[in-house]
């Protein structure tokens, strides 16, 4: 009775929360994919922010060596972050090939 009631509960706010035939492994894959996509989005925005702040700091430095070094540091940190984001994609693809599961493009099998 309780299992049947729990099977009818859906949460459309969560990716995959509307499927009645979910397994824990499937929900885990959807959660990982959603989390990774969110981290990539936030990381990309942080990269742009650091790059812009570094550029503005460099432009407004007025020849001050300290401000130019600060700007160079911001730009370098942004580029390192971008490299880490790109490396995370490569790592995810390696893990996918190792476990033979498409984590980032997980979809539910259709009935029928």
N, C-alpha and C. Protein backbone atom coordinates (compact mmCIF):
# COMPACT_ATOMS: atom_id res chain seq x y z
N UNK A 1 0.82 -1.19 0.00
CA UNK A 1 0.00 0.00 0.00
C UNK A 1 0.87 1.26 0.00
N UNK A 2 1.88 1.28 0.88
CA UNK A 2 2.74 2.46 0.96
C UNK A 2 3.58 2.59 -0.30
N UNK A 3 4.10 1.48 -0.83
CA UNK A 3 4.89 1.54 -2.06
C UNK A 3 4.06 2.08 -3.22
N UNK A 4 2.80 1.67 -3.27
CA UNK A 4 1.93 2.15 -4.34
C UNK A 4 1.70 3.65 -4.21
N UNK A 5 1.51 4.11 -2.98
CA UNK A 5 1.31 5.54 -2.75
C UNK A 5 2.57 6.33 -3.10
N UNK A 6 3.74 5.81 -2.73
CA UNK A 6 4.99 6.50 -3.04
C UNK A 6 5.25 6.52 -4.54
N UNK A 7 4.84 5.48 -5.25
CA UNK A 7 5.03 5.42 -6.69
C UNK A 7 4.21 6.48 -7.41
N UNK A 8 3.13 6.94 -6.80
CA UNK A 8 2.26 7.92 -7.43
C UNK A 8 2.73 9.36 -7.18
N UNK A 9 3.67 9.54 -6.26
CA UNK A 9 4.17 10.88 -5.95
C UNK A 9 5.16 11.29 -7.03
N UNK A 10 4.95 12.47 -7.56
CA UNK A 10 5.87 13.01 -8.56
C UNK A 10 6.29 14.40 -8.13
N UNK A 11 7.47 14.80 -8.58
CA UNK A 11 7.98 16.13 -8.31
C UNK A 11 8.54 16.66 -9.63
N UNK A 12 7.75 17.45 -10.32
CA UNK A 12 8.14 17.93 -11.63
C UNK A 12 9.24 18.98 -11.56
N UNK A 13 9.51 19.52 -10.35
CA UNK A 13 10.59 20.50 -10.19
C UNK A 13 11.95 19.83 -10.28
N UNK A 14 12.02 18.54 -10.02
CA UNK A 14 13.27 17.78 -10.08
C UNK A 14 13.32 17.06 -11.41
N UNK A 15 14.43 17.19 -12.16
CA UNK A 15 14.52 16.46 -13.43
C UNK A 15 14.33 14.96 -13.20
N UNK A 16 13.42 14.36 -13.93
CA UNK A 16 13.13 12.94 -13.77
C UNK A 16 12.13 12.67 -12.66
N UNK A 17 11.64 13.71 -12.01
CA UNK A 17 10.73 13.54 -10.88
C UNK A 17 9.32 13.17 -11.28
N UNK A 18 9.03 13.17 -12.56
CA UNK A 18 7.69 12.83 -12.99
C UNK A 18 7.55 11.40 -13.46
N UNK A 19 8.66 10.68 -13.57
CA UNK A 19 8.61 9.31 -14.06
C UNK A 19 8.24 8.35 -12.94
N UNK A 20 7.28 7.51 -13.21
CA UNK A 20 6.82 6.57 -12.18
C UNK A 20 7.70 5.33 -12.11
N UNK A 21 8.47 5.06 -13.16
CA UNK A 21 9.28 3.85 -13.21
C UNK A 21 10.75 4.12 -12.88
N UNK A 22 11.02 5.13 -12.07
CA UNK A 22 12.40 5.49 -11.73
C UNK A 22 13.05 4.44 -10.85
N UNK A 23 14.33 4.28 -11.05
CA UNK A 23 15.13 3.47 -10.14
C UNK A 23 16.07 4.41 -9.42
N UNK A 24 16.67 3.94 -8.34
CA UNK A 24 17.61 4.80 -7.62
C UNK A 24 18.81 5.13 -8.48
N UNK A 25 19.30 4.19 -9.27
CA UNK A 25 20.45 4.44 -10.14
C UNK A 25 20.09 5.47 -11.20
N UNK A 26 18.88 5.38 -11.74
CA UNK A 26 18.45 6.34 -12.74
C UNK A 26 18.32 7.74 -12.18
N UNK A 27 17.73 7.84 -10.99
CA UNK A 27 17.59 9.15 -10.36
C UNK A 27 18.96 9.72 -10.00
N UNK A 28 19.88 8.85 -9.58
CA UNK A 28 21.24 9.29 -9.27
C UNK A 28 21.92 9.86 -10.51
N UNK A 29 21.76 9.20 -11.65
CA UNK A 29 22.36 9.67 -12.90
C UNK A 29 21.78 11.02 -13.30
N UNK A 30 20.48 11.18 -13.15
CA UNK A 30 19.84 12.45 -13.49
C UNK A 30 20.33 13.55 -12.56
N UNK A 31 20.45 13.23 -11.27
CA UNK A 31 20.93 14.22 -10.30
C UNK A 31 22.36 14.62 -10.61
N UNK A 32 23.23 13.68 -10.93
CA UNK A 32 24.62 13.98 -11.27
C UNK A 32 24.68 14.85 -12.51
N UNK A 33 23.90 14.52 -13.54
CA UNK A 33 23.90 15.30 -14.77
C UNK A 33 23.42 16.73 -14.51
N UNK A 34 22.37 16.88 -13.72
CA UNK A 34 21.85 18.21 -13.41
C UNK A 34 22.85 19.01 -12.59
N UNK A 35 23.47 18.35 -11.62
CA UNK A 35 24.48 19.02 -10.79
C UNK A 35 25.67 19.47 -11.64
N UNK A 36 26.15 18.61 -12.52
CA UNK A 36 27.28 18.95 -13.38
C UNK A 36 26.94 20.12 -14.30
N UNK A 37 25.75 20.10 -14.87
CA UNK A 37 25.34 21.19 -15.76
C UNK A 37 25.26 22.51 -15.00
N UNK A 38 24.79 22.47 -13.76
CA UNK A 38 24.71 23.67 -12.94
C UNK A 38 26.10 24.19 -12.62
N UNK A 39 27.00 23.30 -12.26
CA UNK A 39 28.38 23.71 -11.95
C UNK A 39 29.05 24.32 -13.18
N UNK A 40 28.83 23.73 -14.35
CA UNK A 40 29.41 24.27 -15.58
C UNK A 40 28.85 25.66 -15.87
N UNK A 41 27.56 25.85 -15.67
CA UNK A 41 26.94 27.15 -15.90
C UNK A 41 27.51 28.21 -14.96
N UNK A 42 27.56 27.89 -13.68
CA UNK A 42 28.08 28.84 -12.69
C UNK A 42 29.57 29.10 -12.93
N UNK A 43 30.32 28.05 -13.26
CA UNK A 43 31.74 28.20 -13.55
C UNK A 43 31.99 29.06 -14.78
N UNK A 44 31.19 28.87 -15.81
CA UNK A 44 31.31 29.71 -17.01
C UNK A 44 31.02 31.17 -16.73
N UNK A 45 30.00 31.42 -15.91
CA UNK A 45 29.70 32.80 -15.54
C UNK A 45 30.81 33.40 -14.69
N UNK A 46 31.38 32.60 -13.79
CA UNK A 46 32.50 33.07 -12.97
C UNK A 46 33.71 33.39 -13.85
N UNK A 47 33.96 32.56 -14.87
CA UNK A 47 35.06 32.82 -15.80
C UNK A 47 34.86 34.17 -16.49
N UNK A 48 33.67 34.40 -17.00
CA UNK A 48 33.41 35.67 -17.67
C UNK A 48 33.57 36.85 -16.72
N UNK A 49 33.09 36.70 -15.50
CA UNK A 49 33.20 37.77 -14.51
C UNK A 49 34.66 38.07 -14.19
N UNK A 50 35.45 37.03 -13.94
CA UNK A 50 36.87 37.24 -13.65
C UNK A 50 37.60 37.85 -14.83
N UNK A 51 37.28 37.41 -16.03
CA UNK A 51 37.92 37.96 -17.22
C UNK A 51 37.57 39.44 -17.39
N UNK A 52 36.30 39.77 -17.22
CA UNK A 52 35.89 41.17 -17.34
C UNK A 52 36.48 42.04 -16.23
N UNK A 53 36.45 41.54 -14.99
CA UNK A 53 37.03 42.32 -13.90
C UNK A 53 38.52 42.51 -14.09
N UNK A 54 39.21 41.49 -14.55
CA UNK A 54 40.64 41.62 -14.83
C UNK A 54 40.91 42.63 -15.92
N UNK A 55 40.09 42.60 -16.97
CA UNK A 55 40.26 43.56 -18.06
C UNK A 55 40.00 44.99 -17.63
N UNK A 56 38.94 45.18 -16.86
CA UNK A 56 38.62 46.53 -16.38
C UNK A 56 39.71 47.03 -15.42
N UNK A 57 40.19 46.14 -14.55
CA UNK A 57 41.26 46.53 -13.62
C UNK A 57 42.52 46.90 -14.39
N UNK A 58 42.84 46.15 -15.44
CA UNK A 58 44.02 46.44 -16.25
C UNK A 58 43.88 47.79 -16.95
N UNK A 59 42.69 48.02 -17.52
CA UNK A 59 42.46 49.29 -18.24
C UNK A 59 42.55 50.48 -17.30
N UNK A 60 42.00 50.34 -16.10
CA UNK A 60 41.98 51.46 -15.15
C UNK A 60 43.23 51.53 -14.27
N UNK A 61 44.22 50.66 -14.52
CA UNK A 61 45.43 50.63 -13.69
C UNK A 61 46.25 51.90 -13.83
N UNK A 62 46.25 52.49 -14.98
CA UNK A 62 46.99 53.73 -15.19
C UNK A 62 48.50 53.56 -15.03
N UNK A 63 49.01 52.40 -15.38
CA UNK A 63 50.45 52.16 -15.30
C UNK A 63 50.94 51.68 -13.94
N UNK A 64 50.04 51.56 -12.96
CA UNK A 64 50.42 51.09 -11.63
C UNK A 64 50.75 49.59 -11.69
N UNK A 65 52.00 49.25 -11.36
CA UNK A 65 52.46 47.85 -11.46
C UNK A 65 51.62 46.91 -10.58
N UNK A 66 51.25 47.35 -9.39
CA UNK A 66 50.47 46.51 -8.48
C UNK A 66 49.11 46.17 -9.04
N UNK A 67 48.44 47.16 -9.64
CA UNK A 67 47.11 46.93 -10.21
C UNK A 67 47.20 46.06 -11.46
N UNK A 68 48.26 46.24 -12.23
CA UNK A 68 48.43 45.40 -13.42
C UNK A 68 48.65 43.95 -13.02
N UNK A 69 49.45 43.73 -11.99
CA UNK A 69 49.66 42.36 -11.50
C UNK A 69 48.36 41.77 -10.94
N UNK A 70 47.57 42.59 -10.25
CA UNK A 70 46.27 42.13 -9.74
C UNK A 70 45.35 41.74 -10.89
N UNK A 71 45.34 42.56 -11.94
CA UNK A 71 44.50 42.26 -13.11
C UNK A 71 44.99 41.00 -13.80
N UNK A 72 46.30 40.86 -13.93
CA UNK A 72 46.86 39.67 -14.57
C UNK A 72 46.50 38.42 -13.75
N UNK A 73 46.52 38.55 -12.44
CA UNK A 73 46.14 37.43 -11.57
C UNK A 73 44.69 37.03 -11.76
N UNK A 74 43.79 38.01 -11.87
CA UNK A 74 42.37 37.70 -12.08
C UNK A 74 42.15 36.99 -13.41
N UNK A 75 42.82 37.48 -14.44
CA UNK A 75 42.67 36.87 -15.75
C UNK A 75 43.22 35.45 -15.73
N UNK A 76 44.37 35.26 -15.08
CA UNK A 76 44.95 33.93 -14.98
C UNK A 76 44.05 32.98 -14.21
N UNK A 77 43.47 33.45 -13.11
CA UNK A 77 42.56 32.62 -12.32
C UNK A 77 41.34 32.23 -13.14
N UNK A 78 40.83 33.16 -13.93
CA UNK A 78 39.69 32.84 -14.79
C UNK A 78 40.03 31.78 -15.82
N UNK A 79 41.22 31.89 -16.43
CA UNK A 79 41.63 30.91 -17.43
C UNK A 79 41.88 29.54 -16.80
N UNK A 80 42.45 29.52 -15.60
CA UNK A 80 42.65 28.24 -14.90
C UNK A 80 41.30 27.59 -14.61
N UNK A 81 40.34 28.40 -14.18
CA UNK A 81 38.99 27.87 -13.94
C UNK A 81 38.37 27.30 -15.19
N UNK A 82 38.58 27.98 -16.32
CA UNK A 82 38.05 27.48 -17.59
C UNK A 82 38.69 26.15 -17.97
N UNK A 83 39.98 26.01 -17.74
CA UNK A 83 40.67 24.75 -18.02
C UNK A 83 40.12 23.64 -17.12
N UNK A 84 39.84 23.96 -15.87
CA UNK A 84 39.27 22.96 -14.96
C UNK A 84 37.88 22.53 -15.43
N UNK A 85 37.08 23.48 -15.89
CA UNK A 85 35.75 23.12 -16.42
C UNK A 85 35.87 22.20 -17.63
N UNK A 86 36.81 22.51 -18.52
CA UNK A 86 37.00 21.65 -19.69
C UNK A 86 37.50 20.27 -19.28
N UNK A 87 38.39 20.23 -18.29
CA UNK A 87 38.91 18.94 -17.82
C UNK A 87 37.81 18.12 -17.17
N UNK A 88 36.85 18.78 -16.52
CA UNK A 88 35.76 18.03 -15.89
C UNK A 88 34.94 17.29 -16.95
N UNK A 89 34.77 17.89 -18.11
CA UNK A 89 34.05 17.22 -19.19
C UNK A 89 34.79 15.97 -19.64
N UNK A 90 36.11 16.09 -19.78
CA UNK A 90 36.92 14.94 -20.19
C UNK A 90 36.85 13.84 -19.13
N UNK A 91 36.90 14.22 -17.85
CA UNK A 91 36.83 13.23 -16.77
C UNK A 91 35.48 12.53 -16.76
N UNK A 92 34.40 13.30 -16.95
CA UNK A 92 33.05 12.69 -16.99
C UNK A 92 32.97 11.70 -18.16
N UNK A 93 33.49 12.07 -19.32
CA UNK A 93 33.45 11.16 -20.47
C UNK A 93 34.27 9.90 -20.20
N UNK A 94 35.40 10.03 -19.49
CA UNK A 94 36.20 8.86 -19.13
C UNK A 94 35.42 7.94 -18.20
N UNK A 95 34.77 8.53 -17.20
CA UNK A 95 33.96 7.75 -16.26
C UNK A 95 32.81 7.07 -17.00
N UNK A 96 32.17 7.79 -17.93
CA UNK A 96 31.09 7.20 -18.72
C UNK A 96 31.56 5.96 -19.48
N UNK A 97 32.74 6.05 -20.08
CA UNK A 97 33.24 4.90 -20.84
C UNK A 97 33.63 3.75 -19.90
N UNK A 98 34.07 4.08 -18.69
CA UNK A 98 34.48 3.04 -17.74
C UNK A 98 33.27 2.28 -17.20
N UNK A 99 32.16 2.98 -16.95
CA UNK A 99 30.98 2.31 -16.39
C UNK A 99 29.93 2.00 -17.44
N UNK A 100 30.20 2.38 -18.69
CA UNK A 100 29.31 2.11 -19.81
C UNK A 100 27.91 2.69 -19.58
N UNK A 101 27.87 3.95 -19.19
CA UNK A 101 26.59 4.63 -18.95
C UNK A 101 26.72 6.08 -19.40
N UNK A 102 25.75 6.55 -20.12
CA UNK A 102 25.77 7.93 -20.61
C UNK A 102 25.19 8.84 -19.53
N UNK A 103 26.06 9.35 -18.67
CA UNK A 103 25.61 10.12 -17.51
C UNK A 103 25.03 11.47 -17.91
N UNK A 104 25.70 12.17 -18.81
CA UNK A 104 25.29 13.54 -19.13
C UNK A 104 24.05 13.61 -20.02
N UNK A 105 23.75 12.56 -20.71
CA UNK A 105 22.56 12.53 -21.59
C UNK A 105 21.62 11.42 -21.17
N UNK A 106 21.45 11.25 -19.88
CA UNK A 106 20.61 10.16 -19.38
C UNK A 106 19.16 10.41 -19.76
N UNK A 107 18.50 9.38 -20.28
CA UNK A 107 17.07 9.48 -20.57
C UNK A 107 16.42 8.16 -20.17
N UNK A 108 15.16 8.25 -19.82
CA UNK A 108 14.42 7.06 -19.40
C UNK A 108 14.03 6.23 -20.60
N UNK A 109 14.15 4.92 -20.48
CA UNK A 109 13.68 4.07 -21.58
C UNK A 109 12.17 4.18 -21.72
N UNK A 110 11.70 4.18 -22.94
CA UNK A 110 10.26 4.31 -23.16
C UNK A 110 9.61 2.94 -23.04
N UNK A 111 8.41 2.93 -22.52
CA UNK A 111 7.66 1.68 -22.35
C UNK A 111 7.11 1.27 -23.71
N UNK A 112 7.10 -0.01 -23.93
CA UNK A 112 6.46 -0.49 -25.14
C UNK A 112 7.34 -1.27 -25.94
